[in-house]
Amino acid sequence: MLKLENISVSYKDKVVLDNLSLTAESGEIIGLVAPNGTGKTTLFHVISNFLKPNNGTVIFHDKLQYKTERNEIAIHKQLTTFPEQRDLFEELSGLDHMKLYANMWKGSTAHVQKICEHLRMEGYVKRKVKTYSLGMRQRLCFAMVAAADTPVMLMDELMNGLDVENVALISEYLIQMKREGKLIFVASHLLSNLDLYADRVLYLKGGRIIHQQDFSRTDEKFIKIDLSAEQYGALKESLPEDHLYIANHLCCIPIANMDEAEKNRWITRLSAYEDKELTIGPLGTAEYYEKYYHEDGKL
């Protein structure tokens, strides 16, 4: 559905995106992870044509590109971006905003009431936005994208300012939209939340995708334990060559190719650290974030 080919963006002497390529399909949620200022928002701006890349091409449905005004209109009928709170109209109600997005993209508001119910907004959605809290405004921004109901959605930090209950509510709604065949990009600093609904997570560094975490993989499992540098140093020589020691504290031993006897030996050995919690499973988004963006525990 969406293909990025050799996208490059530079500002003066700073390279933000460097020959980046990516293919994404319908019915997929793709998380995008990187520290601030390393290209997440720039990538979204290129996809939505808010920014022309220095090089490269954005392609929708194997044919549509931002080359003509007609193509731009056709693409923007299929694409919505997460609105910023500062762009909301203070004197309009939340319902007015949702109907505006529904009419602009879908040409109908028949589905808006259901969105209000699913997102539990009935109690305030008819009030003017100037009366909303930050969390209510953020939920409204998500509801507006849901009301647009486009095949492709770009969501930058959609969980900002939301409490735990609303994070769970919106996470469930994202999964529902994925089942409906939406292609959704989510850039977020709420890393563990991405593990709940993303099909894959992309890690950006130096303008490139340096790692793709695929949650459909079942072969990636580790024995994981927090160890001090001294404890790790005592073990290091006997650890498998492909082990990881992340951010100077997390030791991860891959077990996919181990037999049961070897696996049990390592579990028994590491269990000797009685004050340490030992877990078995894949690396989560937060752990990969530490791996790629922390050095000696610092960004």
C-alpha atoms as a PDB file:
ATOM      1  CA  MET A   1       0.000   0.000   0.000  1.00  0.00           C
ATOM      2  CA  LEU A   2       2.809   2.467   0.843  1.00  0.00           C
ATOM      3  CA  LYS A   3       6.367   2.429  -0.388  1.00  0.00           C
ATOM      4  CA  LEU A   4       9.209   4.826   0.424  1.00  0.00           C
ATOM      5  CA  GLU A   5      12.162   4.617  -1.933  1.00  0.00           C
ATOM      6  CA  ASN A   6      15.537   6.170  -1.102  1.00  0.00           C
ATOM      7  CA  ILE A   7      14.169   9.123   0.880  1.00  0.00           C
ATOM      8  CA  SER A   8      16.788  11.718   1.838  1.00  0.00           C
ATOM      9  CA  VAL A   9      16.242  14.998   3.693  1.00  0.00           C
ATOM     10  CA  SER A  10      18.971  17.438   4.698  1.00  0.00           C
ATOM     11  CA  TYR A  11      18.902  20.850   6.378  1.00  0.00           C
ATOM     12  CA  LYS A  12      22.074  22.711   5.447  1.00  0.00           C
ATOM     13  CA  ASP A  13      24.808  20.317   6.643  1.00  0.00           C
ATOM     14  CA  LYS A  14      22.554  18.131   8.810  1.00  0.00           C
ATOM     15  CA  VAL A  15      21.304  14.853   7.310  1.00  0.00           C
ATOM     16  CA  VAL A  16      17.918  13.966   8.846  1.00  0.00           C
ATOM     17  CA  LEU A  17      16.876  11.083   6.572  1.00  0.00           C
ATOM     18  CA  ASP A  18      19.553   9.223   4.635  1.00  0.00           C
ATOM     19  CA  ASN A  19      18.457   7.106   1.665  1.00  0.00           C
ATOM     20  CA  LEU A  20      15.660   5.523   3.708  1.00  0.00           C
ATOM     21  CA  SER A  21      13.415   2.858   2.130  1.00  0.00           C
ATOM     22  CA  LEU A  22      10.352   1.142   3.572  1.00  0.00           C
ATOM     23  CA  THR A  23       7.347  -0.914   2.463  1.00  0.00           C
ATOM     24  CA  ALA A  24       4.124  -1.020   4.520  1.00  0.00           C
ATOM     25  CA  GLU A  25       0.890  -2.923   3.968  1.00  0.00           C
ATOM     26  CA  SER A  26      -2.792  -2.559   4.865  1.00  0.00           C
ATOM     27  CA  GLY A  27      -3.837  -3.991   8.215  1.00  0.00           C
ATOM     28  CA  GLU A  28      -0.539  -3.152   9.849  1.00  0.00           C
ATOM     29  CA  ILE A  29       0.489  -0.953  12.788  1.00  0.00           C
ATOM     30  CA  ILE A  30       4.072   0.247  12.557  1.00  0.00           C
ATOM     31  CA  GLY A  31       5.712   1.849  15.556  1.00  0.00           C
ATOM     32  CA  LEU A  32       8.403   4.451  15.006  1.00  0.00           C
ATOM     33  CA  VAL A  33      10.983   4.985  17.732  1.00  0.00           C
ATOM     34  CA  ALA A  34      13.897   7.394  18.117  1.00  0.00           C
ATOM     35  CA  PRO A  35      15.018  10.213  20.428  1.00  0.00           C
ATOM     36  CA  ASN A  36      13.695  13.702  19.686  1.00  0.00           C
ATOM     37  CA  GLY A  37      15.209  15.416  16.680  1.00  0.00           C
ATOM     38  CA  THR A  38      16.224  12.258  14.840  1.00  0.00           C
ATOM     39  CA  GLY A  39      13.719  12.180  12.000  1.00  0.00           C
ATOM     40  CA  LYS A  40      10.374  10.729  13.147  1.00  0.00           C
ATOM     41  CA  THR A  41       8.324  13.857  12.470  1.00  0.00           C
ATOM     42  CA  THR A  42      10.305  14.597   9.304  1.00  0.00           C
ATOM     43  CA  LEU A  43       9.459  11.140   7.976  1.00  0.00           C
ATOM     44  CA  PHE A  44       5.757  11.731   8.664  1.00  0.00           C
ATOM     45  CA  HIS A  45       5.963  15.103   6.899  1.00  0.00           C
ATOM     46  CA  VAL A  46       7.497  13.458   3.826  1.00  0.00           C
ATOM     47  CA  ILE A  47       4.791  10.747   3.732  1.00  0.00           C
ATOM     48  CA  SER A  48       2.050  13.391   3.977  1.00  0.00           C
ATOM     49  CA  ASN A  49       3.774  15.737   1.476  1.00  0.00           C
ATOM     50  CA  PHE A  50       4.156  18.548   4.011  1.00  0.00           C
ATOM     51  CA  LEU A  51       7.848  18.374   3.145  1.00  0.00           C
ATOM     52  CA  LYS A  52       9.518  17.578  -0.180  1.00  0.00           C
ATOM     53  CA  PRO A  53      12.533  15.284   0.234  1.00  0.00           C
ATOM     54  CA  ASN A  54      15.828  16.189  -1.389  1.00  0.00           C
ATOM     55  CA  ASN A  55      15.763  12.761  -3.031  1.00  0.00           C
ATOM     56  CA  GLY A  56      13.467   9.778  -3.172  1.00  0.00           C
ATOM     57  CA  THR A  57       9.872   8.844  -3.878  1.00  0.00           C
ATOM     58  CA  VAL A  58       6.679   8.157  -1.903  1.00  0.00           C
ATOM     59  CA  ILE A  59       4.365   5.698  -3.657  1.00  0.00           C
ATOM     60  CA  PHE A  60       0.786   4.731  -2.744  1.00  0.00           C
ATOM     61  CA  HIS A  61      -0.849   1.630  -4.229  1.00  0.00           C
ATOM     62  CA  ASP A  62       2.148   0.984  -6.508  1.00  0.00           C
ATOM     63  CA  LYS A  63       1.308   3.944  -8.734  1.00  0.00           C
ATOM     64  CA  LEU A  64       0.267   7.187  -6.985  1.00  0.00           C
ATOM     65  CA  GLN A  65       3.087   9.666  -6.378  1.00  0.00           C
ATOM     66  CA  TYR A  66       3.147  13.335  -5.380  1.00  0.00           C
ATOM     67  CA  LYS A  67       3.901  14.433  -8.957  1.00  0.00           C
ATOM     68  CA  THR A  68       0.677  16.144  -9.988  1.00  0.00           C
ATOM     69  CA  GLU A  69      -2.038  18.087  -8.204  1.00  0.00           C
ATOM     70  CA  ARG A  70      -4.553  15.386  -9.129  1.00  0.00           C
ATOM     71  CA  ASN A  71      -2.356  12.720  -7.524  1.00  0.00           C
ATOM     72  CA  GLU A  72      -1.880  14.831  -4.390  1.00  0.00           C
ATOM     73  CA  ILE A  73      -5.653  15.147  -3.980  1.00  0.00           C
ATOM     74  CA  ALA A  74      -6.132  11.410  -4.549  1.00  0.00           C
ATOM     75  CA  ILE A  75      -3.494  10.550  -1.939  1.00  0.00           C
ATOM     76  CA  HIS A  76      -4.794  13.014   0.657  1.00  0.00           C
ATOM     77  CA  LYS A  77      -8.232  11.419   0.405  1.00  0.00           C
ATOM     78  CA  GLN A  78      -6.610   8.257   1.743  1.00  0.00           C
ATOM     79  CA  LEU A  79      -4.381   9.777   4.402  1.00  0.00           C
ATOM     80  CA  THR A  80      -4.890  11.602   7.706  1.00  0.00           C
ATOM     81  CA  THR A  81      -2.325  12.949  10.130  1.00  0.00           C
ATOM     82  CA  PHE A  82      -2.805  13.375  13.858  1.00  0.00           C
ATOM     83  CA  PRO A  83      -3.835  16.994  14.529  1.00  0.00           C
ATOM     84  CA  GLU A  84      -2.022  19.131  17.071  1.00  0.00           C
ATOM     85  CA  GLN A  85      -3.970  20.448  20.055  1.00  0.00           C
ATOM     86  CA  ARG A  86      -3.079  24.030  19.133  1.00  0.00           C
ATOM     87  CA  ASP A  87      -5.020  23.588  15.870  1.00  0.00           C
ATOM     88  CA  LEU A  88      -8.315  22.866  17.637  1.00  0.00           C
ATOM     89  CA  PHE A  89     -11.029  25.543  17.513  1.00  0.00           C
ATOM     90  CA  GLU A  90     -11.788  26.691  21.051  1.00  0.00           C
ATOM     91  CA  GLU A  91     -15.368  27.781  20.318  1.00  0.00           C
ATOM     92  CA  LEU A  92     -16.387  24.563  18.530  1.00  0.00           C
ATOM     93  CA  SER A  93     -17.455  21.402  20.320  1.00  0.00           C
ATOM     94  CA  GLY A  94     -15.615  18.115  20.125  1.00  0.00           C
ATOM     95  CA  LEU A  95     -18.512  16.733  18.108  1.00  0.00           C
ATOM     96  CA  ASP A  96     -18.147  19.601  15.614  1.00  0.00           C
ATOM     97  CA  HIS A  97     -14.474  18.692  15.129  1.00  0.00           C
ATOM     98  CA  MET A  98     -15.263  15.025  14.576  1.00  0.00           C
ATOM     99  CA  LYS A  99     -18.002  15.820  12.067  1.00  0.00           C
ATOM    100  CA  LEU A 100     -15.654  18.200  10.258  1.00  0.00           C
ATOM    101  CA  TYR A 101     -13.081  15.417   9.756  1.00  0.00           C
ATOM    102  CA  ALA A 102     -15.787  12.876   8.903  1.00  0.00           C
ATOM    103  CA  ASN A 103     -17.262  15.129   6.206  1.00  0.00           C
ATOM    104  CA  MET A 104     -13.885  16.147   4.760  1.00  0.00           C
ATOM    105  CA  TRP A 105     -12.611  12.590   4.283  1.00  0.00           C
ATOM    106  CA  LYS A 106     -15.468  10.110   4.504  1.00  0.00           C
ATOM    107  CA  GLY A 107     -18.323  12.298   3.274  1.00  0.00           C
ATOM    108  CA  SER A 108     -20.609  11.030   6.046  1.00  0.00           C
ATOM    109  CA  THR A 109     -21.037  11.491   9.805  1.00  0.00           C
ATOM    110  CA  ALA A 110     -23.158   8.395  10.428  1.00  0.00           C
ATOM    111  CA  HIS A 111     -20.296   6.621  12.224  1.00  0.00           C
ATOM    112  CA  VAL A 112     -19.340   9.484  14.561  1.00  0.00           C
ATOM    113  CA  GLN A 113     -21.727   8.566  17.375  1.00  0.00           C
ATOM    114  CA  LYS A 114     -20.234   5.074  17.621  1.00  0.00           C
ATOM    115  CA  ILE A 115     -16.740   6.534  17.936  1.00  0.00           C
ATOM    116  CA  CYS A 116     -17.947   8.770  20.794  1.00  0.00           C
ATOM    117  CA  GLU A 117     -19.367   5.732  22.555  1.00  0.00           C
ATOM    118  CA  HIS A 118     -16.293   3.549  22.042  1.00  0.00           C
ATOM    119  CA  LEU A 119     -13.992   6.294  23.305  1.00  0.00           C
ATOM    120  CA  ARG A 120     -16.386   7.185  26.161  1.00  0.00           C
ATOM    121  CA  MET A 121     -16.675  10.820  25.131  1.00  0.00           C
ATOM    122  CA  GLU A 122     -20.485  11.213  25.428  1.00  0.00           C
ATOM    123  CA  GLY A 123     -20.226  13.169  28.667  1.00  0.00           C
ATOM    124  CA  TYR A 124     -18.301  16.085  27.192  1.00  0.00           C
ATOM    125  CA  VAL A 125     -18.199  15.790  23.395  1.00  0.00           C
ATOM    126  CA  LYS A 126     -20.907  18.446  22.889  1.00  0.00           C
ATOM    127  CA  ARG A 127     -19.124  20.993  25.070  1.00  0.00           C
ATOM    128  CA  LYS A 128     -16.841  23.674  23.613  1.00  0.00           C
ATOM    129  CA  VAL A 129     -13.208  22.667  23.347  1.00  0.00           C
ATOM    130  CA  LYS A 130     -12.123  25.626  25.492  1.00  0.00           C
ATOM    131  CA  THR A 131     -13.546  23.723  28.488  1.00  0.00           C
ATOM    132  CA  TYR A 132     -11.474  20.567  27.784  1.00  0.00           C
ATOM    133  CA  SER A 133      -8.524  19.314  29.809  1.00  0.00           C
ATOM    134  CA  LEU A 134      -5.294  18.356  28.007  1.00  0.00           C
ATOM    135  CA  GLY A 135      -6.247  14.679  28.158  1.00  0.00           C
ATOM    136  CA  MET A 136      -9.711  15.365  26.707  1.00  0.00           C
ATOM    137  CA  ARG A 137      -8.149  17.370  23.878  1.00  0.00           C
ATOM    138  CA  GLN A 138      -5.745  14.548  23.078  1.00  0.00           C
ATOM    139  CA  ARG A 139      -8.565  11.997  23.000  1.00  0.00           C
ATOM    140  CA  LEU A 140     -10.488  14.334  20.698  1.00  0.00           C
ATOM    141  CA  CYS A 141      -7.516  14.533  18.300  1.00  0.00           C
ATOM    142  CA  PHE A 142      -7.525  10.737  18.083  1.00  0.00           C
ATOM    143  CA  ALA A 143     -11.312  10.676  17.615  1.00  0.00           C
ATOM    144  CA  MET A 144     -10.976  13.120  14.711  1.00  0.00           C
ATOM    145  CA  VAL A 145      -8.580  10.774  12.886  1.00  0.00           C
ATOM    146  CA  ALA A 146     -10.923   7.851  13.623  1.00  0.00           C
ATOM    147  CA  ALA A 147     -13.817   9.899  12.202  1.00  0.00           C
ATOM    148  CA  ALA A 148     -11.864  10.563   8.991  1.00  0.00           C
ATOM    149  CA  ASP A 149     -11.637   6.763   8.630  1.00  0.00           C
ATOM    150  CA  THR A 150      -8.907   6.851   5.983  1.00  0.00           C
ATOM    151  CA  PRO A 151      -6.900   3.786   4.874  1.00  0.00           C
ATOM    152  CA  VAL A 152      -3.607   5.359   6.055  1.00  0.00           C
ATOM    153  CA  MET A 153      -3.129   7.191   9.380  1.00  0.00           C
ATOM    154  CA  LEU A 154      -0.040   8.934  10.760  1.00  0.00           C
ATOM    155  CA  MET A 155      -0.093   9.419  14.531  1.00  0.00           C
ATOM    156  CA  ASP A 156       2.690  11.374  16.201  1.00  0.00           C
ATOM    157  CA  GLU A 157       2.757  11.022  20.020  1.00  0.00           C
ATOM    158  CA  LEU A 158      -0.963  10.272  20.239  1.00  0.00           C
ATOM    159  CA  MET A 159      -0.663   9.027  23.856  1.00  0.00           C
ATOM    160  CA  ASN A 160       0.735  12.319  25.214  1.00  0.00           C
ATOM    161  CA  GLY A 161      -1.120  13.556  28.277  1.00  0.00           C
ATOM    162  CA  LEU A 162      -3.352  10.490  28.602  1.00  0.00           C
ATOM    163  CA  ASP A 163      -3.858   8.546  31.815  1.00  0.00           C
ATOM    164  CA  VAL A 164      -3.468   4.767  32.008  1.00  0.00           C
ATOM    165  CA  GLU A 165      -7.168   4.107  31.404  1.00  0.00           C
ATOM    166  CA  ASN A 166      -7.279   6.198  28.232  1.00  0.00           C
ATOM    167  CA  VAL A 167      -4.010   4.749  26.944  1.00  0.00           C
ATOM    168  CA  ALA A 168      -5.597   1.290  27.224  1.00  0.00           C
ATOM    169  CA  LEU A 169      -8.817   2.513  25.583  1.00  0.00           C
ATOM    170  CA  ILE A 170      -7.031   3.998  22.576  1.00  0.00           C
ATOM    171  CA  SER A 171      -4.715   0.971  22.297  1.00  0.00           C
ATOM    172  CA  GLU A 172      -7.796  -1.260  21.966  1.00  0.00           C
ATOM    173  CA  TYR A 173      -9.253   1.064  19.329  1.00  0.00           C
ATOM    174  CA  LEU A 174      -6.004   0.964  17.339  1.00  0.00           C
ATOM    175  CA  ILE A 175      -6.181  -2.837  17.253  1.00  0.00           C
ATOM    176  CA  GLN A 176      -9.781  -2.614  16.035  1.00  0.00           C
ATOM    177  CA  MET A 177      -8.782  -0.236  13.226  1.00  0.00           C
ATOM    178  CA  LYS A 178      -5.947  -2.561  12.235  1.00  0.00           C
ATOM    179  CA  ARG A 179      -8.479  -5.403  11.915  1.00  0.00           C
ATOM    180  CA  GLU A 180     -10.464  -3.156   9.585  1.00  0.00           C
ATOM    181  CA  GLY A 181      -7.431  -2.996   7.271  1.00  0.00           C
ATOM    182  CA  LYS A 182      -5.979   0.398   8.224  1.00  0.00           C
ATOM    183  CA  LEU A 183      -2.278   1.098   7.833  1.00  0.00           C
ATOM    184  CA  ILE A 184      -1.289   3.033  10.950  1.00  0.00           C
ATOM    185  CA  PHE A 185       2.057   4.597  11.836  1.00  0.00           C
ATOM    186  CA  VAL A 186       2.536   5.472  15.508  1.00  0.00           C
ATOM    187  CA  ALA A 187       5.511   7.508  16.740  1.00  0.00           C
ATOM    188  CA  SER A 188       5.625   7.272  20.507  1.00  0.00           C
ATOM    189  CA  HIS A 189       7.800   7.645  23.590  1.00  0.00           C
ATOM    190  CA  LEU A 190       5.455   5.310  25.484  1.00  0.00           C
ATOM    191  CA  LEU A 191       7.615   2.363  24.528  1.00  0.00           C
ATOM    192  CA  SER A 192       6.078  -0.562  26.400  1.00  0.00           C
ATOM    193  CA  ASN A 193       2.658   0.436  25.052  1.00  0.00           C
ATOM    194  CA  LEU A 194       3.857  -0.192  21.484  1.00  0.00           C
ATOM    195  CA  ASP A 195       4.453  -3.837  22.405  1.00  0.00           C
ATOM    196  CA  LEU A 196       0.693  -4.268  22.886  1.00  0.00           C
ATOM    197  CA  TYR A 197      -0.501  -3.374  19.393  1.00  0.00           C
ATOM    198  CA  ALA A 198       2.362  -2.826  16.928  1.00  0.00           C
ATOM    199  CA  ASP A 199       3.158  -5.461  14.301  1.00  0.00           C
ATOM    200  CA  ARG A 200       6.657  -4.099  14.019  1.00  0.00           C
ATOM    201  CA  VAL A 201       8.699  -1.233  15.409  1.00  0.00           C
ATOM    202  CA  LEU A 202      11.285   0.701  13.408  1.00  0.00           C
ATOM    203  CA  TYR A 203      14.284   2.321  15.101  1.00  0.00           C
ATOM    204  CA  LEU A 204      15.773   5.405  13.447  1.00  0.00           C
ATOM    205  CA  LYS A 205      19.351   6.544  13.884  1.00  0.00           C
ATOM    206  CA  GLY A 206      21.592   8.587  11.637  1.00  0.00           C
ATOM    207  CA  GLY A 207      18.718   9.052   9.200  1.00  0.00           C
ATOM    208  CA  ARG A 208      18.328   5.306   8.608  1.00  0.00           C
ATOM    209  CA  ILE A 209      16.283   2.405   9.949  1.00  0.00           C
ATOM    210  CA  ILE A 210      18.891   0.614  12.058  1.00  0.00           C
ATOM    211  CA  HIS A 211      16.615  -2.132  13.348  1.00  0.00           C
ATOM    212  CA  GLN A 212      13.184  -3.575  12.661  1.00  0.00           C
ATOM    213  CA  GLN A 213      11.528  -5.361  15.558  1.00  0.00           C
ATOM    214  CA  ASP A 214       9.023  -7.859  14.170  1.00  0.00           C
ATOM    215  CA  PHE A 215       6.486  -9.051  16.751  1.00  0.00           C
ATOM    216  CA  SER A 216       5.373 -11.907  14.496  1.00  0.00           C
ATOM    217  CA  ARG A 217       8.705 -13.640  15.073  1.00  0.00           C
ATOM    218  CA  THR A 218       8.513 -16.428  17.615  1.00  0.00           C
ATOM    219  CA  ASP A 219      12.146 -17.537  17.469  1.00  0.00           C
ATOM    220  CA  GLU A 220      13.633 -14.559  19.307  1.00  0.00           C
ATOM    221  CA  LYS A 221      13.801 -15.417  23.010  1.00  0.00           C
ATOM    222  CA  PHE A 222      16.320 -14.537  25.696  1.00  0.00           C
ATOM    223  CA  ILE A 223      17.090 -15.290  29.290  1.00  0.00           C
ATOM    224  CA  LYS A 224      17.169 -11.761  30.732  1.00  0.00           C
ATOM    225  CA  ILE A 225      18.644 -10.569  34.019  1.00  0.00           C
ATOM    226  CA  ASP A 226      19.907  -7.263  35.437  1.00  0.00           C
ATOM    227  CA  LEU A 227      23.588  -7.498  36.304  1.00  0.00           C
ATOM    228  CA  SER A 228      26.040  -4.894  37.541  1.00  0.00           C
ATOM    229  CA  ALA A 229      29.157  -4.279  35.482  1.00  0.00           C
ATOM    230  CA  GLU A 230      31.150  -6.276  38.040  1.00  0.00           C
ATOM    231  CA  GLN A 231      28.739  -9.243  37.924  1.00  0.00           C
ATOM    232  CA  TYR A 232      28.682  -9.146  34.142  1.00  0.00           C
ATOM    233  CA  GLY A 233      32.474  -9.001  33.999  1.00  0.00           C
ATOM    234  CA  ALA A 234      32.709 -12.202  36.038  1.00  0.00           C
ATOM    235  CA  LEU A 235      30.409 -13.997  33.592  1.00  0.00           C
ATOM    236  CA  LYS A 236      31.452 -12.456  30.318  1.00  0.00           C
ATOM    237  CA  GLU A 237      34.041 -15.016  29.189  1.00  0.00           C
ATOM    238  CA  SER A 238      31.602 -17.922  29.559  1.00  0.00           C
ATOM    239  CA  LEU A 239      28.614 -16.226  27.874  1.00  0.00           C
ATOM    240  CA  PRO A 240      27.611 -17.159  24.293  1.00  0.00           C
ATOM    241  CA  GLU A 241      29.179 -14.887  21.661  1.00  0.00           C
ATOM    242  CA  ASP A 242      25.786 -13.577  20.542  1.00  0.00           C
ATOM    243  CA  HIS A 243      24.682 -12.435  24.009  1.00  0.00           C
ATOM    244  CA  LEU A 244      23.790  -8.792  24.648  1.00  0.00           C
ATOM    245  CA  TYR A 245      24.682  -6.507  27.541  1.00  0.00           C
ATOM    246  CA  ILE A 246      22.365  -3.536  27.226  1.00  0.00           C
ATOM    247  CA  ALA A 247      22.928  -0.075  28.739  1.00  0.00           C
ATOM    248  CA  ASN A 248      25.423  -1.409  31.252  1.00  0.00           C
ATOM    249  CA  HIS A 249      22.815  -3.374  33.207  1.00  0.00           C
ATOM    250  CA  LEU A 250      20.728  -5.910  31.216  1.00  0.00           C
ATOM    251  CA  CYS A 251      22.293  -9.227  30.259  1.00  0.00           C
ATOM    252  CA  CYS A 252      20.386 -11.099  27.524  1.00  0.00           C
ATOM    253  CA  ILE A 253      21.302 -14.651  26.515  1.00  0.00           C
ATOM    254  CA  PRO A 254      19.629 -15.959  23.317  1.00  0.00           C
ATOM    255  CA  ILE A 255      18.098 -19.413  23.775  1.00  0.00           C
ATOM    256  CA  ALA A 256      16.519 -20.161  20.377  1.00  0.00           C
ATOM    257  CA  ASN A 257      19.360 -22.534  19.418  1.00  0.00           C
ATOM    258  CA  MET A 258      19.912 -24.056  22.865  1.00  0.00           C
ATOM    259  CA  ASP A 259      18.785 -27.526  23.843  1.00  0.00           C
ATOM    260  CA  GLU A 260      16.840 -27.959  27.081  1.00  0.00           C
ATOM    261  CA  ALA A 261      19.874 -29.094  29.049  1.00  0.00           C
ATOM    262  CA  GLU A 262      21.926 -26.000  28.170  1.00  0.00           C
ATOM    263  CA  LYS A 263      18.955 -23.733  28.782  1.00  0.00           C
ATOM    264  CA  ASN A 264      18.433 -25.237  32.241  1.00  0.00           C
ATOM    265  CA  ARG A 265      22.141 -24.878  33.048  1.00  0.00           C
ATOM    266  CA  TRP A 266      21.986 -21.146  32.370  1.00  0.00           C
ATOM    267  CA  ILE A 267      18.745 -20.693  34.309  1.00  0.00           C
ATOM    268  CA  THR A 268      20.259 -22.551  37.289  1.00  0.00           C
ATOM    269  CA  ARG A 269      23.483 -20.556  37.110  1.00  0.00           C
ATOM    270  CA  LEU A 270      21.770 -17.173  36.885  1.00  0.00           C
ATOM    271  CA  SER A 271      19.297 -18.091  39.626  1.00  0.00           C
ATOM    272  CA  ALA A 272      22.234 -17.915  42.005  1.00  0.00           C
ATOM    273  CA  TYR A 273      21.788 -14.129  41.908  1.00  0.00           C
ATOM    274  CA  GLU A 274      18.959 -14.299  44.438  1.00  0.00           C
ATOM    275  CA  ASP A 275      18.259 -10.564  44.485  1.00  0.00           C
ATOM    276  CA  LYS A 276      17.867 -10.431  40.693  1.00  0.00           C
ATOM    277  CA  GLU A 277      14.707 -11.137  38.695  1.00  0.00           C
ATOM    278  CA  LEU A 278      15.232 -13.575  35.849  1.00  0.00           C
ATOM    279  CA  THR A 279      12.812 -13.570  32.906  1.00  0.00           C
ATOM    280  CA  ILE A 280      12.535 -15.421  29.604  1.00  0.00           C
ATOM    281  CA  GLY A 281      11.072 -13.883  26.452  1.00  0.00           C
ATOM    282  CA  PRO A 282      11.714 -11.557  23.503  1.00  0.00           C
ATOM    283  CA  LEU A 283      13.204  -8.113  23.924  1.00  0.00           C
ATOM    284  CA  GLY A 284      10.573  -5.403  24.256  1.00  0.00           C
ATOM    285  CA  THR A 285      10.588  -1.975  22.645  1.00  0.00           C
ATOM    286  CA  ALA A 286      11.996  -0.326  25.774  1.00  0.00           C
ATOM    287  CA  GLU A 287      14.883  -2.802  25.862  1.00  0.00           C
ATOM    288  CA  TYR A 288      15.734  -2.269  22.201  1.00  0.00           C
ATOM    289  CA  TYR A 289      15.537   1.485  22.788  1.00  0.00           C
ATOM    290  CA  GLU A 290      18.185   1.175  25.482  1.00  0.00           C
ATOM    291  CA  LYS A 291      20.277  -1.024  23.201  1.00  0.00           C
ATOM    292  CA  TYR A 292      20.335   1.444  20.326  1.00  0.00           C
ATOM    293  CA  TYR A 293      20.164   4.853  21.995  1.00  0.00           C
ATOM    294  CA  HIS A 294      21.936   4.514  25.350  1.00  0.00           C
ATOM    295  CA  GLU A 295      25.614   4.367  26.011  1.00  0.00           C
ATOM    296  CA  ASP A 296      26.667   3.682  29.582  1.00  0.00           C
ATOM    297  CA  GLY A 297      23.082   4.317  30.626  1.00  0.00           C
ATOM    298  CA  LYS A 298      22.849   7.737  28.923  1.00  0.00           C
ATOM    299  CA  LEU A 299      21.425   8.990  25.639  1.00  0.00           C
END
